[in-house]
Amino acid sequence: MRDMALEDRREILAGLIGSDSRLQFSETMPGEANAIYHLIDAAGLEGMVSKRRDSKYRSGPTTNWLKTKSFIESEFELLGVERERGKPAFALMAEPGTRKYIGSAFVSVNREMRERLWKRVQEHAGPPPKDMPKRSATQWVKPGIKHLKGEEDLRHAALQDFWDEG
């Protein structure tokens, strides 16, 4: 089946996956991609995957499939930054004004911006929030920090959509 076009593979797979299966067969959504994306975004879904109809299945990265994510922009209070050698840095986030932990996000910026952020975090060091489990590699910041002065560019570039359930 790997050498068959997408439409042919889908036809076969639709016949193999029953309604009582644990697998879910995703229906096609033909149409103009921007219009479909806006419907998906409005429905609060994560995003969509677009595939070329004549594409053959190949594992690994490909230009035949395109994943488009939906994002929401929100403001959170910064509790601290967790850094461990050899691992990505994490920003620990809270509901504004409550310091209630809601999740963490990878800090995904270049090395220079990461170092600037780390310096600012250290300058604004504060106590850990109440009832927060110990995290040895975390530098906590003073209450009320949404973003650090002079780091406005980090507000939009730094945090990806990898959130914990808090």
C-alpha atoms as a PDB file:
ATOM      1  CA  MET A   1       0.000   0.000   0.000  1.00  0.00           C
ATOM      2  CA  ARG A   2       2.953   2.366   0.561  1.00  0.00           C
ATOM      3  CA  ASP A   3       3.386   2.856  -3.178  1.00  0.00           C
ATOM      4  CA  MET A   4      -0.286   3.661  -3.779  1.00  0.00           C
ATOM      5  CA  ALA A   5      -1.599   7.224  -4.079  1.00  0.00           C
ATOM      6  CA  LEU A   6      -3.235   8.713  -0.978  1.00  0.00           C
ATOM      7  CA  GLU A   7      -6.785   8.497  -2.357  1.00  0.00           C
ATOM      8  CA  ASP A   8      -6.391   4.778  -3.144  1.00  0.00           C
ATOM      9  CA  ARG A   9      -4.876   4.015   0.295  1.00  0.00           C
ATOM     10  CA  ARG A  10      -7.684   5.882   2.043  1.00  0.00           C
ATOM     11  CA  GLU A  11     -10.349   3.928   0.173  1.00  0.00           C
ATOM     12  CA  ILE A  12      -8.825   0.618   1.293  1.00  0.00           C
ATOM     13  CA  LEU A  13      -8.278   1.793   4.884  1.00  0.00           C
ATOM     14  CA  ALA A  14     -11.863   3.084   5.171  1.00  0.00           C
ATOM     15  CA  GLY A  15     -13.076  -0.419   4.375  1.00  0.00           C
ATOM     16  CA  LEU A  16     -10.760  -2.029   6.943  1.00  0.00           C
ATOM     17  CA  ILE A  17     -11.546   0.203   9.924  1.00  0.00           C
ATOM     18  CA  GLY A  18     -14.954  -0.575  11.371  1.00  0.00           C
ATOM     19  CA  SER A  19     -17.136   1.768  13.412  1.00  0.00           C
ATOM     20  CA  ASP A  20     -16.425  -0.311  16.549  1.00  0.00           C
ATOM     21  CA  SER A  21     -12.647  -0.110  16.087  1.00  0.00           C
ATOM     22  CA  ARG A  22     -10.316   1.608  18.544  1.00  0.00           C
ATOM     23  CA  LEU A  23      -8.790   3.271  15.491  1.00  0.00           C
ATOM     24  CA  GLN A  24     -10.484   6.354  14.134  1.00  0.00           C
ATOM     25  CA  PHE A  25     -10.579   7.006  10.423  1.00  0.00           C
ATOM     26  CA  SER A  26     -10.356  10.726   9.706  1.00  0.00           C
ATOM     27  CA  GLU A  27     -12.613  11.952   6.963  1.00  0.00           C
ATOM     28  CA  THR A  28     -11.301  14.110   4.151  1.00  0.00           C
ATOM     29  CA  MET A  29     -12.177  17.784   4.108  1.00  0.00           C
ATOM     30  CA  PRO A  30     -11.845  18.834   0.476  1.00  0.00           C
ATOM     31  CA  GLY A  31     -11.849  22.523  -0.216  1.00  0.00           C
ATOM     32  CA  GLU A  32      -9.770  25.669   0.093  1.00  0.00           C
ATOM     33  CA  ALA A  33      -7.097  25.203   2.810  1.00  0.00           C
ATOM     34  CA  ASN A  34      -7.454  28.663   4.407  1.00  0.00           C
ATOM     35  CA  ALA A  35     -11.211  28.264   4.806  1.00  0.00           C
ATOM     36  CA  ILE A  36     -10.797  24.810   6.353  1.00  0.00           C
ATOM     37  CA  TYR A  37      -8.086  26.106   8.702  1.00  0.00           C
ATOM     38  CA  HIS A  38     -10.352  28.922   9.928  1.00  0.00           C
ATOM     39  CA  LEU A  39     -13.122  26.402  10.679  1.00  0.00           C
ATOM     40  CA  ILE A  40     -10.673  24.165  12.568  1.00  0.00           C
ATOM     41  CA  ASP A  41      -9.286  27.136  14.509  1.00  0.00           C
ATOM     42  CA  ALA A  42     -12.791  28.402  15.375  1.00  0.00           C
ATOM     43  CA  ALA A  43     -13.699  24.928  16.652  1.00  0.00           C
ATOM     44  CA  GLY A  44     -10.732  25.073  19.048  1.00  0.00           C
ATOM     45  CA  LEU A  45      -8.902  22.158  17.449  1.00  0.00           C
ATOM     46  CA  GLU A  46      -5.128  21.731  17.515  1.00  0.00           C
ATOM     47  CA  GLY A  47      -4.632  22.086  13.785  1.00  0.00           C
ATOM     48  CA  MET A  48      -4.759  20.148  10.548  1.00  0.00           C
ATOM     49  CA  VAL A  49      -2.621  17.996   8.298  1.00  0.00           C
ATOM     50  CA  SER A  50      -2.782  18.624   4.559  1.00  0.00           C
ATOM     51  CA  LYS A  51      -1.685  15.891   2.168  1.00  0.00           C
ATOM     52  CA  ARG A  52      -1.153  15.800  -1.572  1.00  0.00           C
ATOM     53  CA  ARG A  53      -3.767  13.507  -3.163  1.00  0.00           C
ATOM     54  CA  ASP A  54      -1.255  11.744  -5.376  1.00  0.00           C
ATOM     55  CA  SER A  55       1.409  11.351  -2.641  1.00  0.00           C
ATOM     56  CA  LYS A  56       2.793   7.943  -1.807  1.00  0.00           C
ATOM     57  CA  TYR A  57       3.364   7.040   1.834  1.00  0.00           C
ATOM     58  CA  ARG A  58       6.946   7.565   3.015  1.00  0.00           C
ATOM     59  CA  SER A  59       8.107   7.525   6.617  1.00  0.00           C
ATOM     60  CA  GLY A  60      10.104  10.488   7.882  1.00  0.00           C
ATOM     61  CA  PRO A  61       9.981  14.149   6.874  1.00  0.00           C
ATOM     62  CA  THR A  62       8.297  14.901   3.567  1.00  0.00           C
ATOM     63  CA  THR A  63       7.083  17.886   1.564  1.00  0.00           C
ATOM     64  CA  ASN A  64       3.913  15.974   0.614  1.00  0.00           C
ATOM     65  CA  TRP A  65       2.316  16.461   4.040  1.00  0.00           C
ATOM     66  CA  LEU A  66       1.976  19.783   5.852  1.00  0.00           C
ATOM     67  CA  LYS A  67       0.961  20.174   9.500  1.00  0.00           C
ATOM     68  CA  THR A  68      -0.614  23.546  10.345  1.00  0.00           C
ATOM     69  CA  LYS A  69      -1.140  24.293  14.049  1.00  0.00           C
ATOM     70  CA  SER A  70      -3.636  26.643  15.688  1.00  0.00           C
ATOM     71  CA  PHE A  71      -2.372  28.868  18.470  1.00  0.00           C
ATOM     72  CA  ILE A  72      -3.943  30.956  21.172  1.00  0.00           C
ATOM     73  CA  GLU A  73      -2.165  33.917  22.720  1.00  0.00           C
ATOM     74  CA  SER A  74      -2.478  34.281  26.492  1.00  0.00           C
ATOM     75  CA  GLU A  75      -0.617  36.023  29.284  1.00  0.00           C
ATOM     76  CA  PHE A  76       0.646  34.100  32.303  1.00  0.00           C
ATOM     77  CA  GLU A  77       2.726  34.926  35.327  1.00  0.00           C
ATOM     78  CA  LEU A  78       6.279  33.604  35.254  1.00  0.00           C
ATOM     79  CA  LEU A  79       7.038  31.485  38.342  1.00  0.00           C
ATOM     80  CA  GLY A  80      10.543  30.503  37.366  1.00  0.00           C
ATOM     81  CA  VAL A  81      12.799  28.851  34.838  1.00  0.00           C
ATOM     82  CA  GLU A  82      14.073  25.298  35.110  1.00  0.00           C
ATOM     83  CA  ARG A  83      17.466  24.574  33.555  1.00  0.00           C
ATOM     84  CA  GLU A  84      19.346  21.290  33.516  1.00  0.00           C
ATOM     85  CA  ARG A  85      22.510  20.665  31.520  1.00  0.00           C
ATOM     86  CA  GLY A  86      21.732  18.807  28.293  1.00  0.00           C
ATOM     87  CA  LYS A  87      17.962  19.394  28.521  1.00  0.00           C
ATOM     88  CA  PRO A  88      15.741  22.150  27.134  1.00  0.00           C
ATOM     89  CA  ALA A  89      14.937  25.000  29.532  1.00  0.00           C
ATOM     90  CA  PHE A  90      11.345  25.271  30.798  1.00  0.00           C
ATOM     91  CA  ALA A  91       9.383  28.313  31.893  1.00  0.00           C
ATOM     92  CA  LEU A  92       7.015  27.488  34.755  1.00  0.00           C
ATOM     93  CA  MET A  93       3.790  29.432  34.361  1.00  0.00           C
ATOM     94  CA  ALA A  94       0.894  30.471  36.634  1.00  0.00           C
ATOM     95  CA  GLU A  95      -2.507  32.113  36.393  1.00  0.00           C
ATOM     96  CA  PRO A  96      -1.895  35.880  36.608  1.00  0.00           C
ATOM     97  CA  GLY A  97      -2.144  37.211  40.158  1.00  0.00           C
ATOM     98  CA  THR A  98      -2.663  33.822  41.807  1.00  0.00           C
ATOM     99  CA  ARG A  99       0.759  32.147  41.400  1.00  0.00           C
ATOM    100  CA  LYS A 100      -1.252  28.930  40.844  1.00  0.00           C
ATOM    101  CA  TYR A 101       0.903  26.677  38.660  1.00  0.00           C
ATOM    102  CA  ILE A 102      -0.788  25.800  35.387  1.00  0.00           C
ATOM    103  CA  GLY A 103       2.017  24.295  33.332  1.00  0.00           C
ATOM    104  CA  SER A 104       5.390  24.673  31.757  1.00  0.00           C
ATOM    105  CA  ALA A 105       6.628  25.462  28.295  1.00  0.00           C
ATOM    106  CA  PHE A 106       9.893  24.866  26.444  1.00  0.00           C
ATOM    107  CA  VAL A 107      11.965  28.016  26.095  1.00  0.00           C
ATOM    108  CA  SER A 108      12.788  27.745  22.407  1.00  0.00           C
ATOM    109  CA  VAL A 109      14.903  30.725  21.467  1.00  0.00           C
ATOM    110  CA  ASN A 110      18.482  31.060  20.336  1.00  0.00           C
ATOM    111  CA  ARG A 111      21.371  30.802  22.795  1.00  0.00           C
ATOM    112  CA  GLU A 112      21.867  34.578  23.118  1.00  0.00           C
ATOM    113  CA  MET A 113      18.209  35.181  24.037  1.00  0.00           C
ATOM    114  CA  ARG A 114      18.232  32.203  26.439  1.00  0.00           C
ATOM    115  CA  GLU A 115      21.256  33.642  28.258  1.00  0.00           C
ATOM    116  CA  ARG A 116      19.640  37.103  28.427  1.00  0.00           C
ATOM    117  CA  LEU A 117      16.498  35.526  29.870  1.00  0.00           C
ATOM    118  CA  TRP A 118      18.507  33.536  32.427  1.00  0.00           C
ATOM    119  CA  LYS A 119      20.379  36.682  33.531  1.00  0.00           C
ATOM    120  CA  ARG A 120      17.094  38.580  33.995  1.00  0.00           C
ATOM    121  CA  VAL A 121      15.524  35.674  35.885  1.00  0.00           C
ATOM    122  CA  GLN A 122      18.477  35.636  38.276  1.00  0.00           C
ATOM    123  CA  GLU A 123      18.170  39.426  38.760  1.00  0.00           C
ATOM    124  CA  HIS A 124      14.488  38.945  39.734  1.00  0.00           C
ATOM    125  CA  ALA A 125      15.049  35.894  41.948  1.00  0.00           C
ATOM    126  CA  GLY A 126      12.358  35.226  44.518  1.00  0.00           C
ATOM    127  CA  PRO A 127      10.886  32.477  46.691  1.00  0.00           C
ATOM    128  CA  PRO A 128       9.114  29.422  45.295  1.00  0.00           C
ATOM    129  CA  PRO A 129       5.323  29.647  45.247  1.00  0.00           C
ATOM    130  CA  LYS A 130       3.391  28.196  48.156  1.00  0.00           C
ATOM    131  CA  ASP A 131       2.556  24.481  47.827  1.00  0.00           C
ATOM    132  CA  MET A 132       4.902  24.042  44.846  1.00  0.00           C
ATOM    133  CA  PRO A 133       6.793  20.719  44.832  1.00  0.00           C
ATOM    134  CA  LYS A 134      10.569  21.063  45.097  1.00  0.00           C
ATOM    135  CA  ARG A 135      12.333  21.472  41.774  1.00  0.00           C
ATOM    136  CA  SER A 136      16.088  21.556  42.330  1.00  0.00           C
ATOM    137  CA  ALA A 137      17.022  22.962  38.911  1.00  0.00           C
ATOM    138  CA  THR A 138      14.525  25.843  39.079  1.00  0.00           C
ATOM    139  CA  GLN A 139      15.320  29.504  39.593  1.00  0.00           C
ATOM    140  CA  TRP A 140      12.157  31.105  40.997  1.00  0.00           C
ATOM    141  CA  VAL A 141      11.236  34.733  40.326  1.00  0.00           C
ATOM    142  CA  LYS A 142       9.482  37.367  42.435  1.00  0.00           C
ATOM    143  CA  PRO A 143       5.671  37.356  42.319  1.00  0.00           C
ATOM    144  CA  GLY A 144       3.966  39.342  39.588  1.00  0.00           C
ATOM    145  CA  ILE A 145       6.419  38.814  36.706  1.00  0.00           C
ATOM    146  CA  LYS A 146       4.522  38.490  33.416  1.00  0.00           C
ATOM    147  CA  HIS A 147       7.565  39.153  31.313  1.00  0.00           C
ATOM    148  CA  LEU A 148      10.861  40.722  32.194  1.00  0.00           C
ATOM    149  CA  LYS A 149      11.479  44.372  31.343  1.00  0.00           C
ATOM    150  CA  GLY A 150      13.737  44.599  28.344  1.00  0.00           C
ATOM    151  CA  GLU A 151      12.652  41.145  27.170  1.00  0.00           C
ATOM    152  CA  GLU A 152       9.392  42.040  25.424  1.00  0.00           C
ATOM    153  CA  ASP A 153      10.603  40.139  22.360  1.00  0.00           C
ATOM    154  CA  LEU A 154      10.657  36.986  24.501  1.00  0.00           C
ATOM    155  CA  ARG A 155       6.930  37.296  25.220  1.00  0.00           C
ATOM    156  CA  HIS A 156       6.095  36.270  21.690  1.00  0.00           C
ATOM    157  CA  ALA A 157       9.082  34.161  20.670  1.00  0.00           C
ATOM    158  CA  ALA A 158      10.064  32.173  23.726  1.00  0.00           C
ATOM    159  CA  LEU A 159       7.304  29.776  24.646  1.00  0.00           C
ATOM    160  CA  GLN A 160       6.005  26.940  22.546  1.00  0.00           C
ATOM    161  CA  ASP A 161       2.821  24.991  23.056  1.00  0.00           C
ATOM    162  CA  PHE A 162       4.121  22.168  25.237  1.00  0.00           C
ATOM    163  CA  TRP A 163       1.995  22.474  28.359  1.00  0.00           C
ATOM    164  CA  ASP A 164       1.758  20.198  31.401  1.00  0.00           C
ATOM    165  CA  GLU A 165      -1.541  19.517  33.066  1.00  0.00           C
ATOM    166  CA  GLY A 166      -1.215  21.431  36.336  1.00  0.00           C
END
